[in-house]
């Protein structure tokens, strides 16, 4: 994993929504130019970086509630998942991202409202996405970014290879300090839905839902819990 300083540079570039800024980000992370040896070209394993260690590739505008009761409205933010840290940008897209320490919740508007909070999961605090709350129970999405590097050296006939941040999501039902993971394969969904598994299956089909999308998973949870 790259140092936090480099990660923040990537984040700063990610704050720009225009294609030109995104292009500059990729160019700045390009590896050395290919070298030639006889008729064979020897290339570095990676031609650059795809994605970001932050939750969002392009930081959204969010409403952020602070512990003193105040809040930020419509402010660019992002979450460094590995460290459970929230960064904001208050001075335009050219300003340095700032680490925000006194936050309590984050709300993102869109097709479905998305809410992020710190919750204890498997014995430690983590930034998670709250999908549903009812009578002391919570359904949450736990996001993770993993850096995947090319597996081997490529030859002159191969396409570009990139270091890529893979986005993984796991779902849990929380009650007190206990958590139960909800698997998104057919067996896991059937076990979770119980005697309503046939109804859930039909609901997913009718609405063309993807259990691996937190927004769609939220709809599935609401269907079962209401």
C-alpha atoms as a PDB file:
ATOM      1  CA  UNK A   1       0.000   0.000   0.000  1.00  0.00           C
ATOM      2  CA  UNK A   2       1.296   3.412  -0.846  1.00  0.00           C
ATOM      3  CA  UNK A   3       2.064   5.937   1.884  1.00  0.00           C
ATOM      4  CA  UNK A   4      -0.735   8.122   3.178  1.00  0.00           C
ATOM      5  CA  UNK A   5       0.849  11.172   1.568  1.00  0.00           C
ATOM      6  CA  UNK A   6       0.642   9.592  -1.881  1.00  0.00           C
ATOM      7  CA  UNK A   7      -2.873   8.391  -1.151  1.00  0.00           C
ATOM      8  CA  UNK A   8      -3.916  11.936  -0.310  1.00  0.00           C
ATOM      9  CA  UNK A   9      -2.460  13.124  -3.605  1.00  0.00           C
ATOM     10  CA  UNK A  10      -4.613  10.539  -5.383  1.00  0.00           C
ATOM     11  CA  UNK A  11      -7.588  11.750  -3.350  1.00  0.00           C
ATOM     12  CA  UNK A  12      -6.870  15.363  -4.236  1.00  0.00           C
ATOM     13  CA  UNK A  13      -6.813  14.530  -7.903  1.00  0.00           C
ATOM     14  CA  UNK A  14     -10.012  12.486  -7.436  1.00  0.00           C
ATOM     15  CA  UNK A  15     -11.807  15.564  -6.195  1.00  0.00           C
ATOM     16  CA  UNK A  16     -11.800  16.924  -9.754  1.00  0.00           C
ATOM     17  CA  UNK A  17     -14.846  15.779 -11.663  1.00  0.00           C
ATOM     18  CA  UNK A  18     -13.659  16.805 -15.118  1.00  0.00           C
ATOM     19  CA  UNK A  19     -12.119  14.275 -17.492  1.00  0.00           C
ATOM     20  CA  UNK A  20      -8.994  16.369 -17.784  1.00  0.00           C
ATOM     21  CA  UNK A  21      -8.266  16.084 -14.072  1.00  0.00           C
ATOM     22  CA  UNK A  22      -8.916  12.334 -14.142  1.00  0.00           C
ATOM     23  CA  UNK A  23      -6.544  12.042 -17.110  1.00  0.00           C
ATOM     24  CA  UNK A  24      -3.840  13.908 -15.214  1.00  0.00           C
ATOM     25  CA  UNK A  25      -4.263  11.506 -12.305  1.00  0.00           C
ATOM     26  CA  UNK A  26      -3.625   8.481 -14.502  1.00  0.00           C
ATOM     27  CA  UNK A  27      -0.697  10.099 -16.278  1.00  0.00           C
ATOM     28  CA  UNK A  28       0.990  11.069 -13.015  1.00  0.00           C
ATOM     29  CA  UNK A  29       0.971   7.431 -11.913  1.00  0.00           C
ATOM     30  CA  UNK A  30       2.345   5.923 -15.085  1.00  0.00           C
ATOM     31  CA  UNK A  31       5.322   3.628 -14.710  1.00  0.00           C
ATOM     32  CA  UNK A  32       8.589   3.962 -16.634  1.00  0.00           C
ATOM     33  CA  UNK A  33       8.571   3.719 -20.414  1.00  0.00           C
ATOM     34  CA  UNK A  34       8.959   0.187 -21.839  1.00  0.00           C
ATOM     35  CA  UNK A  35      12.526  -0.925 -22.600  1.00  0.00           C
ATOM     36  CA  UNK A  36      13.583  -3.009 -25.576  1.00  0.00           C
ATOM     37  CA  UNK A  37      15.951  -5.973 -25.697  1.00  0.00           C
ATOM     38  CA  UNK A  38      16.477  -7.331 -29.189  1.00  0.00           C
ATOM     39  CA  UNK A  39      13.097  -8.267 -30.600  1.00  0.00           C
ATOM     40  CA  UNK A  40      11.482  -8.647 -27.183  1.00  0.00           C
ATOM     41  CA  UNK A  41      10.005  -5.809 -25.229  1.00  0.00           C
ATOM     42  CA  UNK A  42      10.502  -5.895 -21.450  1.00  0.00           C
ATOM     43  CA  UNK A  43       7.764  -4.049 -19.615  1.00  0.00           C
ATOM     44  CA  UNK A  44       7.104  -3.191 -15.982  1.00  0.00           C
ATOM     45  CA  UNK A  45       4.313  -5.241 -14.417  1.00  0.00           C
ATOM     46  CA  UNK A  46       2.098  -2.203 -14.039  1.00  0.00           C
ATOM     47  CA  UNK A  47       1.228   0.614 -16.436  1.00  0.00           C
ATOM     48  CA  UNK A  48      -0.414   2.670 -13.711  1.00  0.00           C
ATOM     49  CA  UNK A  49      -3.153   2.682 -11.123  1.00  0.00           C
ATOM     50  CA  UNK A  50      -6.878   2.070 -11.539  1.00  0.00           C
ATOM     51  CA  UNK A  51      -9.240   3.191  -8.819  1.00  0.00           C
ATOM     52  CA  UNK A  52      -8.496   4.620  -5.403  1.00  0.00           C
ATOM     53  CA  UNK A  53      -8.144   3.351  -1.806  1.00  0.00           C
ATOM     54  CA  UNK A  54     -11.004   5.681  -0.901  1.00  0.00           C
ATOM     55  CA  UNK A  55     -14.609   4.505  -0.960  1.00  0.00           C
ATOM     56  CA  UNK A  56     -15.632   6.723  -3.881  1.00  0.00           C
ATOM     57  CA  UNK A  57     -13.607   7.101  -7.078  1.00  0.00           C
ATOM     58  CA  UNK A  58     -15.112  10.571  -7.444  1.00  0.00           C
ATOM     59  CA  UNK A  59     -15.912  12.187  -4.068  1.00  0.00           C
ATOM     60  CA  UNK A  60     -19.623  12.982  -3.698  1.00  0.00           C
ATOM     61  CA  UNK A  61     -21.201  15.946  -1.964  1.00  0.00           C
ATOM     62  CA  UNK A  62     -22.390  15.026   1.496  1.00  0.00           C
ATOM     63  CA  UNK A  63     -24.065  16.398   4.580  1.00  0.00           C
ATOM     64  CA  UNK A  64     -21.836  15.672   7.577  1.00  0.00           C
ATOM     65  CA  UNK A  65     -23.067  15.849  11.161  1.00  0.00           C
ATOM     66  CA  UNK A  66     -20.517  16.912  13.772  1.00  0.00           C
ATOM     67  CA  UNK A  67     -20.327  15.957  17.444  1.00  0.00           C
ATOM     68  CA  UNK A  68     -20.963  19.550  18.539  1.00  0.00           C
ATOM     69  CA  UNK A  69     -24.328  19.546  16.778  1.00  0.00           C
ATOM     70  CA  UNK A  70     -23.213  21.547  13.750  1.00  0.00           C
ATOM     71  CA  UNK A  71     -23.007  20.129  10.255  1.00  0.00           C
ATOM     72  CA  UNK A  72     -21.464  20.655   6.847  1.00  0.00           C
ATOM     73  CA  UNK A  73     -23.817  20.829   3.876  1.00  0.00           C
ATOM     74  CA  UNK A  74     -22.990  19.863   0.297  1.00  0.00           C
ATOM     75  CA  UNK A  75     -19.277  19.393   0.945  1.00  0.00           C
ATOM     76  CA  UNK A  76     -16.976  17.058  -1.033  1.00  0.00           C
ATOM     77  CA  UNK A  77     -15.830  14.161   1.138  1.00  0.00           C
ATOM     78  CA  UNK A  78     -14.310  10.728   0.933  1.00  0.00           C
ATOM     79  CA  UNK A  79     -13.578   7.817   3.272  1.00  0.00           C
ATOM     80  CA  UNK A  80     -10.164   6.158   3.521  1.00  0.00           C
ATOM     81  CA  UNK A  81     -11.418   2.659   4.272  1.00  0.00           C
ATOM     82  CA  UNK A  82      -8.179   1.115   5.524  1.00  0.00           C
ATOM     83  CA  UNK A  83      -7.873   3.713   8.292  1.00  0.00           C
ATOM     84  CA  UNK A  84     -11.591   4.519   8.790  1.00  0.00           C
ATOM     85  CA  UNK A  85     -10.817   8.184   8.186  1.00  0.00           C
ATOM     86  CA  UNK A  86     -13.032  10.857   6.639  1.00  0.00           C
ATOM     87  CA  UNK A  87     -11.547  13.650   4.530  1.00  0.00           C
ATOM     88  CA  UNK A  88     -13.261  16.800   3.337  1.00  0.00           C
ATOM     89  CA  UNK A  89     -12.335  19.566   0.919  1.00  0.00           C
ATOM     90  CA  UNK A  90     -13.477  23.029   1.959  1.00  0.00           C
ATOM     91  CA  UNK A  91     -11.631  25.376  -0.409  1.00  0.00           C
ATOM     92  CA  UNK A  92     -12.481  24.187  -3.909  1.00  0.00           C
ATOM     93  CA  UNK A  93     -11.032  21.378  -5.988  1.00  0.00           C
ATOM     94  CA  UNK A  94      -7.473  22.761  -5.787  1.00  0.00           C
ATOM     95  CA  UNK A  95      -7.383  22.821  -1.972  1.00  0.00           C
ATOM     96  CA  UNK A  96      -5.770  20.151   0.204  1.00  0.00           C
ATOM     97  CA  UNK A  97      -8.079  17.470   1.652  1.00  0.00           C
ATOM     98  CA  UNK A  98      -8.537  17.821   5.416  1.00  0.00           C
ATOM     99  CA  UNK A  99      -8.859  14.981   7.927  1.00  0.00           C
ATOM    100  CA  UNK A 100     -12.161  15.326   9.786  1.00  0.00           C
ATOM    101  CA  UNK A 101     -12.073  13.928  13.321  1.00  0.00           C
ATOM    102  CA  UNK A 102     -15.260  15.137  15.046  1.00  0.00           C
ATOM    103  CA  UNK A 103     -17.883  13.696  12.701  1.00  0.00           C
ATOM    104  CA  UNK A 104     -20.822  11.481  13.711  1.00  0.00           C
ATOM    105  CA  UNK A 105     -22.670  10.686  10.511  1.00  0.00           C
ATOM    106  CA  UNK A 106     -22.574  11.347   6.780  1.00  0.00           C
ATOM    107  CA  UNK A 107     -25.574  11.538   4.464  1.00  0.00           C
ATOM    108  CA  UNK A 108     -25.417  11.371   0.668  1.00  0.00           C
ATOM    109  CA  UNK A 109     -28.477  12.218  -1.399  1.00  0.00           C
ATOM    110  CA  UNK A 110     -29.328  10.497  -4.664  1.00  0.00           C
ATOM    111  CA  UNK A 111     -31.650   7.787  -5.946  1.00  0.00           C
ATOM    112  CA  UNK A 112     -31.592   6.443  -2.398  1.00  0.00           C
ATOM    113  CA  UNK A 113     -30.273   8.309   0.627  1.00  0.00           C
ATOM    114  CA  UNK A 114     -27.027   6.738   1.862  1.00  0.00           C
ATOM    115  CA  UNK A 115     -25.865   7.061   5.474  1.00  0.00           C
ATOM    116  CA  UNK A 116     -22.427   6.290   6.917  1.00  0.00           C
ATOM    117  CA  UNK A 117     -21.507   5.948  10.593  1.00  0.00           C
ATOM    118  CA  UNK A 118     -18.928   4.386  12.880  1.00  0.00           C
ATOM    119  CA  UNK A 119     -20.159   1.057  14.238  1.00  0.00           C
ATOM    120  CA  UNK A 120     -18.460  -1.738  16.161  1.00  0.00           C
ATOM    121  CA  UNK A 121     -18.047  -4.695  13.827  1.00  0.00           C
ATOM    122  CA  UNK A 122     -16.158  -7.810  14.876  1.00  0.00           C
ATOM    123  CA  UNK A 123     -14.767  -6.080  17.933  1.00  0.00           C
ATOM    124  CA  UNK A 124     -13.500  -2.845  16.404  1.00  0.00           C
ATOM    125  CA  UNK A 125     -14.962   0.456  15.178  1.00  0.00           C
ATOM    126  CA  UNK A 126     -15.429   0.683  11.422  1.00  0.00           C
ATOM    127  CA  UNK A 127     -17.002   3.169   9.041  1.00  0.00           C
ATOM    128  CA  UNK A 128     -20.006   1.326   7.629  1.00  0.00           C
ATOM    129  CA  UNK A 129     -23.019   2.128   5.501  1.00  0.00           C
ATOM    130  CA  UNK A 130     -26.310   1.932   7.392  1.00  0.00           C
ATOM    131  CA  UNK A 131     -28.916   0.197   5.248  1.00  0.00           C
ATOM    132  CA  UNK A 132     -31.750  -0.320   7.729  1.00  0.00           C
ATOM    133  CA  UNK A 133     -32.514   0.237  11.418  1.00  0.00           C
ATOM    134  CA  UNK A 134     -35.394  -1.152  13.448  1.00  0.00           C
ATOM    135  CA  UNK A 135     -35.887  -1.829  17.162  1.00  0.00           C
ATOM    136  CA  UNK A 136     -32.234  -2.169  18.093  1.00  0.00           C
ATOM    137  CA  UNK A 137     -31.249  -4.081  14.944  1.00  0.00           C
ATOM    138  CA  UNK A 138     -29.207  -2.689  12.090  1.00  0.00           C
ATOM    139  CA  UNK A 139     -28.312  -3.927   8.657  1.00  0.00           C
ATOM    140  CA  UNK A 140     -25.011  -2.548   7.450  1.00  0.00           C
ATOM    141  CA  UNK A 141     -22.681  -2.752   4.460  1.00  0.00           C
ATOM    142  CA  UNK A 142     -18.975  -3.062   5.201  1.00  0.00           C
ATOM    143  CA  UNK A 143     -16.847  -1.707   2.345  1.00  0.00           C
ATOM    144  CA  UNK A 144     -13.235  -2.671   1.662  1.00  0.00           C
ATOM    145  CA  UNK A 145     -10.693  -1.762  -1.024  1.00  0.00           C
ATOM    146  CA  UNK A 146      -7.887  -4.227  -1.815  1.00  0.00           C
ATOM    147  CA  UNK A 147      -4.937  -3.404  -4.074  1.00  0.00           C
ATOM    148  CA  UNK A 148      -4.520  -6.146  -6.686  1.00  0.00           C
ATOM    149  CA  UNK A 149      -1.242  -6.180  -8.591  1.00  0.00           C
ATOM    150  CA  UNK A 150      -0.574  -7.863 -11.966  1.00  0.00           C
ATOM    151  CA  UNK A 151       0.372 -11.498 -11.425  1.00  0.00           C
ATOM    152  CA  UNK A 152       3.259 -11.676 -13.861  1.00  0.00           C
ATOM    153  CA  UNK A 153       5.464 -10.030 -16.444  1.00  0.00           C
ATOM    154  CA  UNK A 154       3.754  -9.389 -19.755  1.00  0.00           C
ATOM    155  CA  UNK A 155       5.214  -9.637 -23.227  1.00  0.00           C
ATOM    156  CA  UNK A 156       4.905  -7.296 -26.179  1.00  0.00           C
ATOM    157  CA  UNK A 157       1.623  -8.862 -27.274  1.00  0.00           C
ATOM    158  CA  UNK A 158      -0.223  -8.331 -23.979  1.00  0.00           C
ATOM    159  CA  UNK A 159      -2.524  -5.448 -23.257  1.00  0.00           C
ATOM    160  CA  UNK A 160      -1.915  -2.920 -20.493  1.00  0.00           C
ATOM    161  CA  UNK A 161      -1.725  -4.165 -16.924  1.00  0.00           C
ATOM    162  CA  UNK A 162      -2.669  -1.995 -13.952  1.00  0.00           C
ATOM    163  CA  UNK A 163      -2.509  -2.033 -10.195  1.00  0.00           C
ATOM    164  CA  UNK A 164      -6.212  -2.079  -9.414  1.00  0.00           C
ATOM    165  CA  UNK A 165      -8.197  -1.355  -6.272  1.00  0.00           C
ATOM    166  CA  UNK A 166     -10.900  -4.015  -5.966  1.00  0.00           C
ATOM    167  CA  UNK A 167     -14.065  -3.003  -4.119  1.00  0.00           C
ATOM    168  CA  UNK A 168     -15.506  -5.718  -1.862  1.00  0.00           C
ATOM    169  CA  UNK A 169     -18.742  -5.423   0.126  1.00  0.00           C
ATOM    170  CA  UNK A 170     -20.024  -7.604   2.949  1.00  0.00           C
ATOM    171  CA  UNK A 171     -23.406  -7.298   4.650  1.00  0.00           C
ATOM    172  CA  UNK A 172     -24.144  -7.830   8.334  1.00  0.00           C
ATOM    173  CA  UNK A 173     -27.093  -7.783  10.676  1.00  0.00           C
ATOM    174  CA  UNK A 174     -26.093  -6.139  13.962  1.00  0.00           C
ATOM    175  CA  UNK A 175     -27.768  -6.528  17.333  1.00  0.00           C
ATOM    176  CA  UNK A 176     -25.845  -5.171  20.273  1.00  0.00           C
ATOM    177  CA  UNK A 177     -22.250  -6.351  19.947  1.00  0.00           C
ATOM    178  CA  UNK A 178     -23.195  -9.390  17.865  1.00  0.00           C
ATOM    179  CA  UNK A 179     -23.061  -9.560  14.082  1.00  0.00           C
ATOM    180  CA  UNK A 180     -24.299 -12.091  11.547  1.00  0.00           C
ATOM    181  CA  UNK A 181     -23.038 -11.969   7.957  1.00  0.00           C
ATOM    182  CA  UNK A 182     -25.573 -12.159   5.150  1.00  0.00           C
ATOM    183  CA  UNK A 183     -24.164 -13.930   2.112  1.00  0.00           C
ATOM    184  CA  UNK A 184     -25.334 -12.709  -1.286  1.00  0.00           C
ATOM    185  CA  UNK A 185     -25.168 -16.032  -3.121  1.00  0.00           C
ATOM    186  CA  UNK A 186     -28.385 -18.000  -3.668  1.00  0.00           C
ATOM    187  CA  UNK A 187     -27.824 -20.217  -0.626  1.00  0.00           C
ATOM    188  CA  UNK A 188     -27.057 -17.274   1.636  1.00  0.00           C
ATOM    189  CA  UNK A 189     -30.094 -15.279   0.514  1.00  0.00           C
ATOM    190  CA  UNK A 190     -32.345 -18.306   0.950  1.00  0.00           C
ATOM    191  CA  UNK A 191     -31.052 -18.887   4.473  1.00  0.00           C
ATOM    192  CA  UNK A 192     -31.500 -15.206   5.345  1.00  0.00           C
ATOM    193  CA  UNK A 193     -35.044 -14.932   3.940  1.00  0.00           C
ATOM    194  CA  UNK A 194     -36.264 -18.190   5.490  1.00  0.00           C
ATOM    195  CA  UNK A 195     -39.865 -19.023   4.594  1.00  0.00           C
ATOM    196  CA  UNK A 196     -40.035 -15.833   2.492  1.00  0.00           C
ATOM    197  CA  UNK A 197     -37.193 -16.879   0.193  1.00  0.00           C
ATOM    198  CA  UNK A 198     -39.510 -17.488  -2.762  1.00  0.00           C
ATOM    199  CA  UNK A 199     -41.053 -14.047  -2.331  1.00  0.00           C
ATOM    200  CA  UNK A 200     -37.615 -12.436  -2.105  1.00  0.00           C
ATOM    201  CA  UNK A 201     -36.476 -14.252  -5.223  1.00  0.00           C
ATOM    202  CA  UNK A 202     -39.486 -12.964  -7.148  1.00  0.00           C
ATOM    203  CA  UNK A 203     -38.987  -9.440  -5.760  1.00  0.00           C
ATOM    204  CA  UNK A 204     -35.363  -9.444  -6.949  1.00  0.00           C
ATOM    205  CA  UNK A 205     -36.400 -10.671 -10.398  1.00  0.00           C
ATOM    206  CA  UNK A 206     -39.260  -8.202 -10.846  1.00  0.00           C
ATOM    207  CA  UNK A 207     -37.167  -5.206  -9.811  1.00  0.00           C
ATOM    208  CA  UNK A 208     -33.929  -6.384 -11.468  1.00  0.00           C
ATOM    209  CA  UNK A 209     -31.977  -6.010  -8.225  1.00  0.00           C
ATOM    210  CA  UNK A 210     -28.320  -6.830  -7.671  1.00  0.00           C
ATOM    211  CA  UNK A 211     -27.587  -8.002  -4.096  1.00  0.00           C
ATOM    212  CA  UNK A 212     -24.000  -6.790  -4.491  1.00  0.00           C
ATOM    213  CA  UNK A 213     -25.231  -3.198  -4.853  1.00  0.00           C
ATOM    214  CA  UNK A 214     -25.899  -1.644  -1.404  1.00  0.00           C
ATOM    215  CA  UNK A 215     -28.757   0.439  -2.794  1.00  0.00           C
ATOM    216  CA  UNK A 216     -30.474  -2.678  -4.131  1.00  0.00           C
ATOM    217  CA  UNK A 217     -29.672  -4.620  -0.970  1.00  0.00           C
ATOM    218  CA  UNK A 218     -31.380  -1.884   1.032  1.00  0.00           C
ATOM    219  CA  UNK A 219     -34.556  -2.439  -1.009  1.00  0.00           C
ATOM    220  CA  UNK A 220     -34.362  -6.184  -0.351  1.00  0.00           C
ATOM    221  CA  UNK A 221     -33.970  -5.663   3.398  1.00  0.00           C
ATOM    222  CA  UNK A 222     -36.916  -3.257   3.462  1.00  0.00           C
ATOM    223  CA  UNK A 223     -39.018  -5.828   1.585  1.00  0.00           C
ATOM    224  CA  UNK A 224     -38.305  -8.530   4.156  1.00  0.00           C
ATOM    225  CA  UNK A 225     -38.556  -6.366   7.266  1.00  0.00           C
ATOM    226  CA  UNK A 226     -41.817  -4.572   6.409  1.00  0.00           C
END
